[in-house]
Each structure stands twice: as structure tokens, then as C-alpha cells.
Amino acid sequence: MKANELRIGNLFQTHTPIAVEAWMLLPESNVVFAPIPLTEEWLIRFGAELEDEWYDINLVEDMSLTICLRTKETGLFHDVYYTGLRNINYVHQLQNLYFALTGSELELTENKTPSI
């Protein structure tokens, strides 16, 4: 995992999940970043709702981000239109995509962080 894939606030793992802080992205930092695999537990904690085998995260009115964990297929639904996106495998990728689409952070629904 490369530091340039991360934004401040992204979650990654050491022994337990922690959020990226600014100093961790400095070139002289010795922090080793390990991505957190995107799982059902993480999607539910981010407020995703399961429909068939697709997890939906509402973005704005009539638009949602959809993820199938079995295939890792990711896409956007707007009304009845679907656009496929790059597959998402890790929590930080979901956080970055959500931020890019909405301009706001993807929040955990509870204070407790899921296990890895």
C-alpha cells in the first residue's frame, strides 16, 4: 500500500484499525500502511444496505454506490442508469471514492470499529 493512496482520515491497519494522520504521510515517516479488506461487516458499519447480493450506499437523492462483495464489482446507480466503476477491495478505496463523489467523509454508523 502506498502513502499516495491515502487521505487524512482514511482507515488502515497496524495491529488494530487506525485513522491516517498528517504526519504519517510525510516522506520521513516510518509508518507501514496495510490496507483493510472491504468486508460485509465494514459495509454495514458504513451504513450500506443489502439488496440481493449488492450493498447500496446512498450518495444523494436517486443516486447510490453499489458493491457486490462476491465479484468486487462496483458501480453507480442513478435512477435506472448504471455505470460500472473500478472494483473496490479495501476500506480506504471506498472512503476515497465516497469523498470524491460527495465531498464529505464516509462515517461509521457506530463508534466501535469492526474487527479485521
PDB file of N, CA and C in Angstrom:
ATOM      1  N   MET A   1       0.844  -1.173   0.000  1.00  0.00           N
ATOM      2  CA  MET A   1       0.000   0.000   0.000  1.00  0.00           C
ATOM      3  C   MET A   1       0.892   1.240   0.000  1.00  0.00           C
ATOM      4  N   LYS A   2       0.614   2.182  -0.876  1.00  0.00           N
ATOM      5  CA  LYS A   2       1.421   3.387  -0.992  1.00  0.00           C
ATOM      6  C   LYS A   2       0.744   4.544  -0.261  1.00  0.00           C
ATOM      7  N   ALA A   3       1.556   5.413   0.332  1.00  0.00           N
ATOM      8  CA  ALA A   3       1.020   6.554   1.070  1.00  0.00           C
ATOM      9  C   ALA A   3       0.195   7.466   0.170  1.00  0.00           C
ATOM     10  N   ASN A   4       0.497   7.540  -1.139  1.00  0.00           N
ATOM     11  CA  ASN A   4      -0.252   8.435  -2.013  1.00  0.00           C
ATOM     12  C   ASN A   4      -1.666   7.935  -2.304  1.00  0.00           C
ATOM     13  N   GLU A   5      -2.015   6.737  -1.841  1.00  0.00           N
ATOM     14  CA  GLU A   5      -3.380   6.233  -1.979  1.00  0.00           C
ATOM     15  C   GLU A   5      -4.264   6.704  -0.833  1.00  0.00           C
ATOM     16  N   LEU A   6      -3.650   7.331   0.172  1.00  0.00           N
ATOM     17  CA  LEU A   6      -4.371   7.668   1.386  1.00  0.00           C
ATOM     18  C   LEU A   6      -4.643   9.150   1.513  1.00  0.00           C
ATOM     19  N   ARG A   7      -5.750   9.449   2.179  1.00  0.00           N
ATOM     20  CA  ARG A   7      -6.086  10.802   2.583  1.00  0.00           C
ATOM     21  C   ARG A   7      -6.121  10.814   4.109  1.00  0.00           C
ATOM     22  N   ILE A   8      -5.942  11.979   4.700  1.00  0.00           N
ATOM     23  CA  ILE A   8      -6.063  12.095   6.147  1.00  0.00           C
ATOM     24  C   ILE A   8      -7.463  11.646   6.535  1.00  0.00           C
ATOM     25  N   GLY A   9      -7.542  10.769   7.521  1.00  0.00           N
ATOM     26  CA  GLY A   9      -8.817  10.225   7.971  1.00  0.00           C
ATOM     27  C   GLY A   9      -9.106   8.833   7.443  1.00  0.00           C
ATOM     28  N   ASN A  10      -8.395   8.390   6.374  1.00  0.00           N
ATOM     29  CA  ASN A  10      -8.583   7.024   5.880  1.00  0.00           C
ATOM     30  C   ASN A  10      -8.224   6.032   6.978  1.00  0.00           C
ATOM     31  N   LEU A  11      -8.904   4.910   6.972  1.00  0.00           N
ATOM     32  CA  LEU A  11      -8.601   3.849   7.921  1.00  0.00           C
ATOM     33  C   LEU A  11      -7.614   2.872   7.299  1.00  0.00           C
ATOM     34  N   PHE A  12      -6.672   2.396   8.085  1.00  0.00           N
ATOM     35  CA  PHE A  12      -5.738   1.356   7.664  1.00  0.00           C
ATOM     36  C   PHE A  12      -5.419   0.541   8.901  1.00  0.00           C
ATOM     37  N   GLN A  13      -4.672  -0.525   8.739  1.00  0.00           N
ATOM     38  CA  GLN A  13      -4.400  -1.365   9.894  1.00  0.00           C
ATOM     39  C   GLN A  13      -2.924  -1.438  10.233  1.00  0.00           C
ATOM     40  N   THR A  14      -2.668  -1.507  11.495  1.00  0.00           N
ATOM     41  CA  THR A  14      -1.369  -1.903  12.024  1.00  0.00           C
ATOM     42  C   THR A  14      -1.713  -3.196  12.760  1.00  0.00           C
ATOM     43  N   HIS A  15      -1.860  -3.130  14.057  1.00  0.00           N
ATOM     44  CA  HIS A  15      -2.388  -4.277  14.797  1.00  0.00           C
ATOM     45  C   HIS A  15      -3.895  -4.128  14.957  1.00  0.00           C
ATOM     46  N   THR A  16      -4.347  -2.879  14.982  1.00  0.00           N
ATOM     47  CA  THR A  16      -5.773  -2.568  15.029  1.00  0.00           C
ATOM     48  C   THR A  16      -6.019  -1.437  14.036  1.00  0.00           C
ATOM     49  N   PRO A  17      -7.247  -1.285  13.549  1.00  0.00           N
ATOM     50  CA  PRO A  17      -7.519  -0.194  12.604  1.00  0.00           C
ATOM     51  C   PRO A  17      -7.299   1.179  13.248  1.00  0.00           C
ATOM     52  N   ILE A  18      -6.616   2.067  12.544  1.00  0.00           N
ATOM     53  CA  ILE A  18      -6.441   3.442  12.996  1.00  0.00           C
ATOM     54  C   ILE A  18      -6.633   4.367  11.797  1.00  0.00           C
ATOM     55  N   ALA A  19      -6.862   5.649  12.077  1.00  0.00           N
ATOM     56  CA  ALA A  19      -7.049   6.636  11.021  1.00  0.00           C
ATOM     57  C   ALA A  19      -5.722   7.312  10.697  1.00  0.00           C
ATOM     58  N   VAL A  20      -5.543   7.647   9.431  1.00  0.00           N
ATOM     59  CA  VAL A  20      -4.336   8.328   8.975  1.00  0.00           C
ATOM     60  C   VAL A  20      -4.301   9.737   9.546  1.00  0.00           C
ATOM     61  N   GLU A  21      -3.136  10.128  10.041  1.00  0.00           N
ATOM     62  CA  GLU A  21      -2.912  11.491  10.487  1.00  0.00           C
ATOM     63  C   GLU A  21      -1.883  12.123   9.564  1.00  0.00           C
ATOM     64  N   ALA A  22      -1.828  13.455   9.525  1.00  0.00           N
ATOM     65  CA  ALA A  22      -0.982  14.176   8.573  1.00  0.00           C
ATOM     66  C   ALA A  22       0.483  13.757   8.651  1.00  0.00           C
ATOM     67  N   TRP A  23       1.021  13.607   9.845  1.00  0.00           N
ATOM     68  CA  TRP A  23       2.448  13.287   9.973  1.00  0.00           C
ATOM     69  C   TRP A  23       2.790  11.942   9.361  1.00  0.00           C
ATOM     70  N   MET A  24       1.821  11.043   9.269  1.00  0.00           N
ATOM     71  CA  MET A  24       2.073   9.715   8.729  1.00  0.00           C
ATOM     72  C   MET A  24       2.357   9.736   7.230  1.00  0.00           C
ATOM     73  N   LEU A  25       1.946  10.805   6.552  1.00  0.00           N
ATOM     74  CA  LEU A  25       2.128  10.897   5.109  1.00  0.00           C
ATOM     75  C   LEU A  25       3.438  11.579   4.723  1.00  0.00           C
ATOM     76  N   LEU A  26       4.209  12.033   5.706  1.00  0.00           N
ATOM     77  CA  LEU A  26       5.482  12.668   5.420  1.00  0.00           C
ATOM     78  C   LEU A  26       6.486  11.625   4.939  1.00  0.00           C
ATOM     79  N   PRO A  27       7.366  12.000   3.982  1.00  0.00           N
ATOM     80  CA  PRO A  27       8.331  11.042   3.433  1.00  0.00           C
ATOM     81  C   PRO A  27       9.216  10.391   4.487  1.00  0.00           C
ATOM     82  N   GLU A  28       9.547  11.112   5.558  1.00  0.00           N
ATOM     83  CA  GLU A  28      10.445  10.547   6.575  1.00  0.00           C
ATOM     84  C   GLU A  28       9.700   9.678   7.594  1.00  0.00           C
ATOM     85  N   SER A  29       8.400   9.582   7.470  1.00  0.00           N
ATOM     86  CA  SER A  29       7.622   8.748   8.386  1.00  0.00           C
ATOM     87  C   SER A  29       7.929   7.277   8.139  1.00  0.00           C
ATOM     88  N   ASN A  30       8.032   6.515   9.203  1.00  0.00           N
ATOM     89  CA  ASN A  30       8.313   5.086   9.096  1.00  0.00           C
ATOM     90  C   ASN A  30       7.060   4.240   9.266  1.00  0.00           C
ATOM     91  N   VAL A  31       5.898   4.852   9.130  1.00  0.00           N
ATOM     92  CA  VAL A  31       4.644   4.128   9.302  1.00  0.00           C
ATOM     93  C   VAL A  31       4.440   3.186   8.118  1.00  0.00           C
ATOM     94  N   VAL A  32       4.121   1.945   8.408  1.00  0.00           N
ATOM     95  CA  VAL A  32       3.822   0.966   7.368  1.00  0.00           C
ATOM     96  C   VAL A  32       2.308   0.857   7.260  1.00  0.00           C
ATOM     97  N   PHE A  33       1.786   1.168   6.091  1.00  0.00           N
ATOM     98  CA  PHE A  33       0.349   1.126   5.856  1.00  0.00           C
ATOM     99  C   PHE A  33      -0.045  -0.245   5.326  1.00  0.00           C
ATOM    100  N   ALA A  34      -1.064  -0.828   5.899  1.00  0.00           N
ATOM    101  CA  ALA A  34      -1.619  -2.092   5.406  1.00  0.00           C
ATOM    102  C   ALA A  34      -3.102  -1.867   5.176  1.00  0.00           C
ATOM    103  N   PRO A  35      -3.593  -2.133   3.979  1.00  0.00           N
ATOM    104  CA  PRO A  35      -4.999  -1.876   3.695  1.00  0.00           C
ATOM    105  C   PRO A  35      -5.915  -2.815   4.476  1.00  0.00           C
ATOM    106  N   ILE A  36      -7.115  -2.321   4.764  1.00  0.00           N
ATOM    107  CA  ILE A  36      -8.133  -3.124   5.427  1.00  0.00           C
ATOM    108  C   ILE A  36      -9.043  -3.688   4.350  1.00  0.00           C
ATOM    109  N   PRO A  37      -9.158  -5.005   4.235  1.00  0.00           N
ATOM    110  CA  PRO A  37     -10.056  -5.585   3.231  1.00  0.00           C
ATOM    111  C   PRO A  37     -11.499  -5.140   3.458  1.00  0.00           C
ATOM    112  N   LEU A  38     -12.193  -4.842   2.382  1.00  0.00           N
ATOM    113  CA  LEU A  38     -13.593  -4.440   2.468  1.00  0.00           C
ATOM    114  C   LEU A  38     -14.452  -5.683   2.665  1.00  0.00           C
ATOM    115  N   THR A  39     -15.149  -5.742   3.784  1.00  0.00           N
ATOM    116  CA  THR A  39     -15.967  -6.896   4.134  1.00  0.00           C
ATOM    117  C   THR A  39     -17.411  -6.457   4.360  1.00  0.00           C
ATOM    118  N   GLU A  40     -18.271  -7.448   4.511  1.00  0.00           N
ATOM    119  CA  GLU A  40     -19.677  -7.170   4.816  1.00  0.00           C
ATOM    120  C   GLU A  40     -19.801  -6.356   6.101  1.00  0.00           C
ATOM    121  N   GLU A  41     -19.024  -6.724   7.096  1.00  0.00           N
ATOM    122  CA  GLU A  41     -19.081  -6.014   8.372  1.00  0.00           C
ATOM    123  C   GLU A  41     -18.749  -4.537   8.205  1.00  0.00           C
ATOM    124  N   TRP A  42     -17.697  -4.236   7.427  1.00  0.00           N
ATOM    125  CA  TRP A  42     -17.332  -2.834   7.189  1.00  0.00           C
ATOM    126  C   TRP A  42     -18.428  -2.110   6.421  1.00  0.00           C
ATOM    127  N   LEU A  43     -18.981  -2.729   5.385  1.00  0.00           N
ATOM    128  CA  LEU A  43     -20.034  -2.081   4.602  1.00  0.00           C
ATOM    129  C   LEU A  43     -21.244  -1.753   5.469  1.00  0.00           C
ATOM    130  N   ILE A  44     -21.635  -2.685   6.311  1.00  0.00           N
ATOM    131  CA  ILE A  44     -22.777  -2.447   7.197  1.00  0.00           C
ATOM    132  C   ILE A  44     -22.470  -1.311   8.164  1.00  0.00           C
ATOM    133  N   ARG A  45     -21.260  -1.280   8.685  1.00  0.00           N
ATOM    134  CA  ARG A  45     -20.859  -0.216   9.617  1.00  0.00           C
ATOM    135  C   ARG A  45     -20.838   1.151   8.949  1.00  0.00           C
ATOM    136  N   PHE A  46     -20.632   1.178   7.615  1.00  0.00           N
ATOM    137  CA  PHE A  46     -20.685   2.437   6.877  1.00  0.00           C
ATOM    138  C   PHE A  46     -22.108   2.769   6.427  1.00  0.00           C
ATOM    139  N   GLY A  47     -23.081   1.961   6.850  1.00  0.00           N
ATOM    140  CA  GLY A  47     -24.478   2.268   6.559  1.00  0.00           C
ATOM    141  C   GLY A  47     -25.012   1.666   5.276  1.00  0.00           C
ATOM    142  N   ALA A  48     -24.280   0.748   4.667  1.00  0.00           N
ATOM    143  CA  ALA A  48     -24.754   0.124   3.430  1.00  0.00           C
ATOM    144  C   ALA A  48     -25.930  -0.804   3.732  1.00  0.00           C
ATOM    145  N   GLU A  49     -26.846  -0.874   2.779  1.00  0.00           N
ATOM    146  CA  GLU A  49     -27.998  -1.764   2.896  1.00  0.00           C
ATOM    147  C   GLU A  49     -27.888  -2.854   1.846  1.00  0.00           C
ATOM    148  N   LEU A  50     -28.170  -4.085   2.261  1.00  0.00           N
ATOM    149  CA  LEU A  50     -28.062  -5.240   1.370  1.00  0.00           C
ATOM    150  C   LEU A  50     -29.354  -5.423   0.588  1.00  0.00           C
ATOM    151  N   GLU A  51     -29.207  -5.551  -0.741  1.00  0.00           N
ATOM    152  CA  GLU A  51     -30.325  -5.860  -1.627  1.00  0.00           C
ATOM    153  C   GLU A  51     -29.831  -6.921  -2.595  1.00  0.00           C
ATOM    154  N   ASP A  52     -30.415  -8.118  -2.508  1.00  0.00           N
ATOM    155  CA  ASP A  52     -29.898  -9.293  -3.207  1.00  0.00           C
ATOM    156  C   ASP A  52     -28.466  -9.504  -2.749  1.00  0.00           C
ATOM    157  N   GLU A  53     -27.490  -9.448  -3.642  1.00  0.00           N
ATOM    158  CA  GLU A  53     -26.092  -9.580  -3.201  1.00  0.00           C
ATOM    159  C   GLU A  53     -25.329  -8.263  -3.337  1.00  0.00           C
ATOM    160  N   TRP A  54     -26.060  -7.169  -3.515  1.00  0.00           N
ATOM    161  CA  TRP A  54     -25.469  -5.842  -3.682  1.00  0.00           C
ATOM    162  C   TRP A  54     -25.647  -5.016  -2.420  1.00  0.00           C
ATOM    163  N   TYR A  55     -24.598  -4.360  -2.003  1.00  0.00           N
ATOM    164  CA  TYR A  55     -24.657  -3.416  -0.883  1.00  0.00           C
ATOM    165  C   TYR A  55     -24.780  -2.021  -1.464  1.00  0.00           C
ATOM    166  N   ASP A  56     -25.769  -1.281  -1.016  1.00  0.00           N
ATOM    167  CA  ASP A  56     -26.027   0.073  -1.521  1.00  0.00           C
ATOM    168  C   ASP A  56     -25.698   1.107  -0.456  1.00  0.00           C
ATOM    169  N   ILE A  57     -24.955   2.126  -0.879  1.00  0.00           N
ATOM    170  CA  ILE A  57     -24.675   3.274  -0.021  1.00  0.00           C
ATOM    171  C   ILE A  57     -25.259   4.492  -0.722  1.00  0.00           C
ATOM    172  N   ASN A  58     -26.216   5.144  -0.077  1.00  0.00           N
ATOM    173  CA  ASN A  58     -26.844   6.327  -0.663  1.00  0.00           C
ATOM    174  C   ASN A  58     -25.850   7.476  -0.704  1.00  0.00           C
ATOM    175  N   LEU A  59     -25.793   8.146  -1.866  1.00  0.00           N
ATOM    176  CA  LEU A  59     -24.895   9.284  -2.029  1.00  0.00           C
ATOM    177  C   LEU A  59     -25.683  10.588  -1.963  1.00  0.00           C
ATOM    178  N   VAL A  60     -26.581  10.759  -2.901  1.00  0.00           N
ATOM    179  CA  VAL A  60     -27.502  11.892  -2.950  1.00  0.00           C
ATOM    180  C   VAL A  60     -28.837  11.342  -3.420  1.00  0.00           C
ATOM    181  N   GLU A  61     -29.832  12.186  -3.494  1.00  0.00           N
ATOM    182  CA  GLU A  61     -31.153  11.727  -3.915  1.00  0.00           C
ATOM    183  C   GLU A  61     -31.069  10.994  -5.257  1.00  0.00           C
ATOM    184  N   ASP A  62     -31.647   9.812  -5.319  1.00  0.00           N
ATOM    185  CA  ASP A  62     -31.711   8.980  -6.522  1.00  0.00           C
ATOM    186  C   ASP A  62     -30.347   8.495  -7.022  1.00  0.00           C
ATOM    187  N   MET A  63     -29.310   8.563  -6.201  1.00  0.00           N
ATOM    188  CA  MET A  63     -28.003   8.059  -6.618  1.00  0.00           C
ATOM    189  C   MET A  63     -27.396   7.239  -5.488  1.00  0.00           C
ATOM    190  N   SER A  64     -26.897   6.052  -5.836  1.00  0.00           N
ATOM    191  CA  SER A  64     -26.251   5.215  -4.823  1.00  0.00           C
ATOM    192  C   SER A  64     -25.033   4.522  -5.415  1.00  0.00           C
ATOM    193  N   LEU A  65     -24.112   4.210  -4.527  1.00  0.00           N
ATOM    194  CA  LEU A  65     -22.930   3.435  -4.850  1.00  0.00           C
ATOM    195  C   LEU A  65     -23.266   1.994  -4.507  1.00  0.00           C
ATOM    196  N   THR A  66     -23.018   1.070  -5.423  1.00  0.00           N
ATOM    197  CA  THR A  66     -23.346  -0.331  -5.187  1.00  0.00           C
ATOM    198  C   THR A  66     -22.090  -1.189  -5.280  1.00  0.00           C
ATOM    199  N   ILE A  67     -22.005  -2.172  -4.383  1.00  0.00           N
ATOM    200  CA  ILE A  67     -20.834  -3.045  -4.326  1.00  0.00           C
ATOM    201  C   ILE A  67     -21.301  -4.481  -4.127  1.00  0.00           C
ATOM    202  N   CYS A  68     -20.767  -5.385  -4.952  1.00  0.00           N
ATOM    203  CA  CYS A  68     -21.021  -6.811  -4.789  1.00  0.00           C
ATOM    204  C   CYS A  68     -19.735  -7.423  -4.219  1.00  0.00           C
ATOM    205  N   LEU A  69     -19.796  -7.943  -2.997  1.00  0.00           N
ATOM    206  CA  LEU A  69     -18.590  -8.495  -2.378  1.00  0.00           C
ATOM    207  C   LEU A  69     -18.096  -9.756  -3.075  1.00  0.00           C
ATOM    208  N   ARG A  70     -19.017 -10.528  -3.620  1.00  0.00           N
ATOM    209  CA  ARG A  70     -18.614 -11.781  -4.273  1.00  0.00           C
ATOM    210  C   ARG A  70     -17.715 -11.495  -5.473  1.00  0.00           C
ATOM    211  N   THR A  71     -18.088 -10.513  -6.296  1.00  0.00           N
ATOM    212  CA  THR A  71     -17.327 -10.213  -7.508  1.00  0.00           C
ATOM    213  C   THR A  71     -16.433  -8.980  -7.365  1.00  0.00           C
ATOM    214  N   LYS A  72     -16.635  -8.210  -6.306  1.00  0.00           N
ATOM    215  CA  LYS A  72     -15.963  -6.930  -6.071  1.00  0.00           C
ATOM    216  C   LYS A  72     -16.385  -5.868  -7.093  1.00  0.00           C
ATOM    217  N   GLU A  73     -17.442  -6.163  -7.873  1.00  0.00           N
ATOM    218  CA  GLU A  73     -17.941  -5.189  -8.843  1.00  0.00           C
ATOM    219  C   GLU A  73     -18.512  -3.989  -8.104  1.00  0.00           C
ATOM    220  N   THR A  74     -18.217  -2.819  -8.626  1.00  0.00           N
ATOM    221  CA  THR A  74     -18.659  -1.571  -8.024  1.00  0.00           C
ATOM    222  C   THR A  74     -19.283  -0.703  -9.100  1.00  0.00           C
ATOM    223  N   GLY A  75     -20.340   0.004  -8.753  1.00  0.00           N
ATOM    224  CA  GLY A  75     -20.961   0.871  -9.736  1.00  0.00           C
ATOM    225  C   GLY A  75     -21.808   1.947  -9.095  1.00  0.00           C
ATOM    226  N   LEU A  76     -22.277   2.849  -9.948  1.00  0.00           N
ATOM    227  CA  LEU A  76     -23.172   3.919  -9.529  1.00  0.00           C
ATOM    228  C   LEU A  76     -24.529   3.690 -10.170  1.00  0.00           C
ATOM    229  N   PHE A  77     -25.576   3.795  -9.366  1.00  0.00           N
ATOM    230  CA  PHE A  77     -26.941   3.786  -9.887  1.00  0.00           C
ATOM    231  C   PHE A  77     -27.503   5.185  -9.746  1.00  0.00           C
ATOM    232  N   HIS A  78     -28.053   5.708 -10.822  1.00  0.00           N
ATOM    233  CA  HIS A  78     -28.756   6.988 -10.792  1.00  0.00           C
ATOM    234  C   HIS A  78     -30.077   6.776 -11.506  1.00  0.00           C
ATOM    235  N   ASP A  79     -31.165   6.853 -10.754  1.00  0.00           N
ATOM    236  CA  ASP A  79     -32.491   6.494 -11.269  1.00  0.00           C
ATOM    237  C   ASP A  79     -32.426   5.048 -11.764  1.00  0.00           C
ATOM    238  N   VAL A  80     -32.523   4.835 -13.067  1.00  0.00           N
ATOM    239  CA  VAL A  80     -32.470   3.478 -13.626  1.00  0.00           C
ATOM    240  C   VAL A  80     -31.160   3.223 -14.372  1.00  0.00           C
ATOM    241  N   TYR A  81     -30.246   4.188 -14.347  1.00  0.00           N
ATOM    242  CA  TYR A  81     -28.993   4.072 -15.085  1.00  0.00           C
ATOM    243  C   TYR A  81     -27.882   3.530 -14.189  1.00  0.00           C
ATOM    244  N   TYR A  82     -27.060   2.656 -14.747  1.00  0.00           N
ATOM    245  CA  TYR A  82     -25.953   2.046 -14.019  1.00  0.00           C
ATOM    246  C   TYR A  82     -24.655   2.343 -14.752  1.00  0.00           C
ATOM    247  N   THR A  83     -23.629   2.716 -14.014  1.00  0.00           N
ATOM    248  CA  THR A  83     -22.291   2.929 -14.558  1.00  0.00           C
ATOM    249  C   THR A  83     -21.313   2.102 -13.743  1.00  0.00           C
ATOM    250  N   GLY A  84     -20.604   1.203 -14.399  1.00  0.00           N
ATOM    251  CA  GLY A  84     -19.600   0.391 -13.711  1.00  0.00           C
ATOM    252  C   GLY A  84     -18.377   1.220 -13.375  1.00  0.00           C
ATOM    253  N   LEU A  85     -17.788   0.932 -12.238  1.00  0.00           N
ATOM    254  CA  LEU A  85     -16.593   1.633 -11.775  1.00  0.00           C
ATOM    255  C   LEU A  85     -15.482   0.629 -11.512  1.00  0.00           C
ATOM    256  N   ARG A  86     -14.316   1.133 -11.219  1.00  0.00           N
ATOM    257  CA  ARG A  86     -13.188   0.292 -10.820  1.00  0.00           C
ATOM    258  C   ARG A  86     -13.581  -0.490  -9.567  1.00  0.00           C
ATOM    259  N   ASN A  87     -13.195  -1.751  -9.512  1.00  0.00           N
ATOM    260  CA  ASN A  87     -13.524  -2.583  -8.358  1.00  0.00           C
ATOM    261  C   ASN A  87     -12.864  -2.039  -7.094  1.00  0.00           C
ATOM    262  N   ILE A  88     -13.590  -2.161  -5.992  1.00  0.00           N
ATOM    263  CA  ILE A  88     -13.097  -1.710  -4.695  1.00  0.00           C
ATOM    264  C   ILE A  88     -12.812  -2.928  -3.837  1.00  0.00           C
ATOM    265  N   ASN A  89     -11.605  -3.002  -3.315  1.00  0.00           N
ATOM    266  CA  ASN A  89     -11.198  -4.128  -2.479  1.00  0.00           C
ATOM    267  C   ASN A  89     -10.919  -3.745  -1.032  1.00  0.00           C
ATOM    268  N   TYR A  90     -10.681  -2.452  -0.784  1.00  0.00           N
ATOM    269  CA  TYR A  90     -10.230  -2.022   0.538  1.00  0.00           C
ATOM    270  C   TYR A  90     -11.052  -0.852   1.058  1.00  0.00           C
ATOM    271  N   VAL A  91     -11.066  -0.720   2.392  1.00  0.00           N
ATOM    272  CA  VAL A  91     -11.831   0.334   3.054  1.00  0.00           C
ATOM    273  C   VAL A  91     -11.391   1.716   2.590  1.00  0.00           C
ATOM    274  N   HIS A  92     -10.078   1.970   2.499  1.00  0.00           N
ATOM    275  CA  HIS A  92      -9.623   3.306   2.119  1.00  0.00           C
ATOM    276  C   HIS A  92     -10.071   3.666   0.699  1.00  0.00           C
ATOM    277  N   GLN A  93     -10.183   2.678  -0.194  1.00  0.00           N
ATOM    278  CA  GLN A  93     -10.662   2.958  -1.549  1.00  0.00           C
ATOM    279  C   GLN A  93     -12.121   3.406  -1.521  1.00  0.00           C
ATOM    280  N   LEU A  94     -12.925   2.758  -0.678  1.00  0.00           N
ATOM    281  CA  LEU A  94     -14.322   3.163  -0.530  1.00  0.00           C
ATOM    282  C   LEU A  94     -14.412   4.564   0.060  1.00  0.00           C
ATOM    283  N   GLN A  95     -13.611   4.838   1.080  1.00  0.00           N
ATOM    284  CA  GLN A  95     -13.612   6.172   1.675  1.00  0.00           C
ATOM    285  C   GLN A  95     -13.235   7.241   0.646  1.00  0.00           C
ATOM    286  N   ASN A  96     -12.218   6.970  -0.153  1.00  0.00           N
ATOM    287  CA  ASN A  96     -11.774   7.948  -1.151  1.00  0.00           C
ATOM    288  C   ASN A  96     -12.813   8.172  -2.232  1.00  0.00           C
ATOM    289  N   LEU A  97     -13.442   7.097  -2.711  1.00  0.00           N
ATOM    290  CA  LEU A  97     -14.468   7.231  -3.740  1.00  0.00           C
ATOM    291  C   LEU A  97     -15.671   7.996  -3.210  1.00  0.00           C
ATOM    292  N   TYR A  98     -16.111   7.664  -2.017  1.00  0.00           N
ATOM    293  CA  TYR A  98     -17.241   8.363  -1.416  1.00  0.00           C
ATOM    294  C   TYR A  98     -16.934   9.851  -1.297  1.00  0.00           C
ATOM    295  N   PHE A  99     -15.742  10.186  -0.840  1.00  0.00           N
ATOM    296  CA  PHE A  99     -15.358  11.590  -0.707  1.00  0.00           C
ATOM    297  C   PHE A  99     -15.331  12.289  -2.066  1.00  0.00           C
ATOM    298  N   ALA A 100     -14.800  11.619  -3.074  1.00  0.00           N
ATOM    299  CA  ALA A 100     -14.728  12.208  -4.413  1.00  0.00           C
ATOM    300  C   ALA A 100     -16.121  12.482  -4.977  1.00  0.00           C
ATOM    301  N   LEU A 101     -17.080  11.610  -4.672  1.00  0.00           N
ATOM    302  CA  LEU A 101     -18.433  11.757  -5.218  1.00  0.00           C
ATOM    303  C   LEU A 101     -19.307  12.718  -4.426  1.00  0.00           C
ATOM    304  N   THR A 102     -19.068  12.837  -3.127  1.00  0.00           N
ATOM    305  CA  THR A 102     -19.968  13.639  -2.288  1.00  0.00           C
ATOM    306  C   THR A 102     -19.322  14.877  -1.681  1.00  0.00           C
ATOM    307  N   GLY A 103     -17.990  14.879  -1.573  1.00  0.00           N
ATOM    308  CA  GLY A 103     -17.310  15.992  -0.915  1.00  0.00           C
ATOM    309  C   GLY A 103     -17.359  15.903   0.601  1.00  0.00           C
ATOM    310  N   SER A 104     -17.849  14.796   1.122  1.00  0.00           N
ATOM    311  CA  SER A 104     -17.888  14.610   2.575  1.00  0.00           C
ATOM    312  C   SER A 104     -17.325  13.241   2.931  1.00  0.00           C
ATOM    313  N   GLU A 105     -16.992  13.085   4.207  1.00  0.00           N
ATOM    314  CA  GLU A 105     -16.394  11.841   4.679  1.00  0.00           C
ATOM    315  C   GLU A 105     -17.456  10.761   4.858  1.00  0.00           C
ATOM    316  N   LEU A 106     -17.086   9.539   4.596  1.00  0.00           N
ATOM    317  CA  LEU A 106     -17.936   8.379   4.867  1.00  0.00           C
ATOM    318  C   LEU A 106     -17.765   8.041   6.340  1.00  0.00           C
ATOM    319  N   GLU A 107     -18.849   8.107   7.082  1.00  0.00           N
ATOM    320  CA  GLU A 107     -18.789   7.943   8.529  1.00  0.00           C
ATOM    321  C   GLU A 107     -19.219   6.540   8.938  1.00  0.00           C
ATOM    322  N   LEU A 108     -18.586   6.017   9.977  1.00  0.00           N
ATOM    323  CA  LEU A 108     -19.036   4.775  10.593  1.00  0.00           C
ATOM    324  C   LEU A 108     -20.334   5.059  11.331  1.00  0.00           C
ATOM    325  N   THR A 109     -21.261   4.098  11.315  1.00  0.00           N
ATOM    326  CA  THR A 109     -22.556   4.313  11.952  1.00  0.00           C
ATOM    327  C   THR A 109     -22.497   4.168  13.463  1.00  0.00           C
ATOM    328  N   GLU A 110     -21.450   3.536  13.980  1.00  0.00           N
ATOM    329  CA  GLU A 110     -21.266   3.383  15.419  1.00  0.00           C
ATOM    330  C   GLU A 110     -19.823   3.714  15.744  1.00  0.00           C
ATOM    331  N   ASN A 111     -19.565   3.969  17.011  1.00  0.00           N
ATOM    332  CA  ASN A 111     -18.199   4.306  17.436  1.00  0.00           C
ATOM    333  C   ASN A 111     -17.261   3.113  17.383  1.00  0.00           C
ATOM    334  N   LYS A 112     -17.796   1.916  17.543  1.00  0.00           N
ATOM    335  CA  LYS A 112     -16.966   0.717  17.561  1.00  0.00           C
ATOM    336  C   LYS A 112     -16.446   0.406  16.159  1.00  0.00           C
ATOM    337  N   THR A 113     -15.158   0.164  16.040  1.00  0.00           N
ATOM    338  CA  THR A 113     -14.552  -0.170  14.758  1.00  0.00           C
ATOM    339  C   THR A 113     -14.650  -1.681  14.537  1.00  0.00           C
ATOM    340  N   PRO A 114     -15.033  -2.126  13.324  1.00  0.00           N
ATOM    341  CA  PRO A 114     -15.127  -3.565  13.057  1.00  0.00           C
ATOM    342  C   PRO A 114     -13.782  -4.255  13.226  1.00  0.00           C
ATOM    343  N   SER A 115     -13.843  -5.532  13.503  1.00  0.00           N
ATOM    344  CA  SER A 115     -12.612  -6.314  13.582  1.00  0.00           C
ATOM    345  C   SER A 115     -12.064  -6.544  12.181  1.00  0.00           C
ATOM    346  N   ILE A 116     -10.798  -6.873  12.113  1.00  0.00           N
ATOM    347  CA  ILE A 116     -10.164  -7.095  10.802  1.00  0.00           C
ATOM    348  C   ILE A 116     -10.100  -8.572  10.517  1.00  0.00           C
TER     349      ILE A 116
END
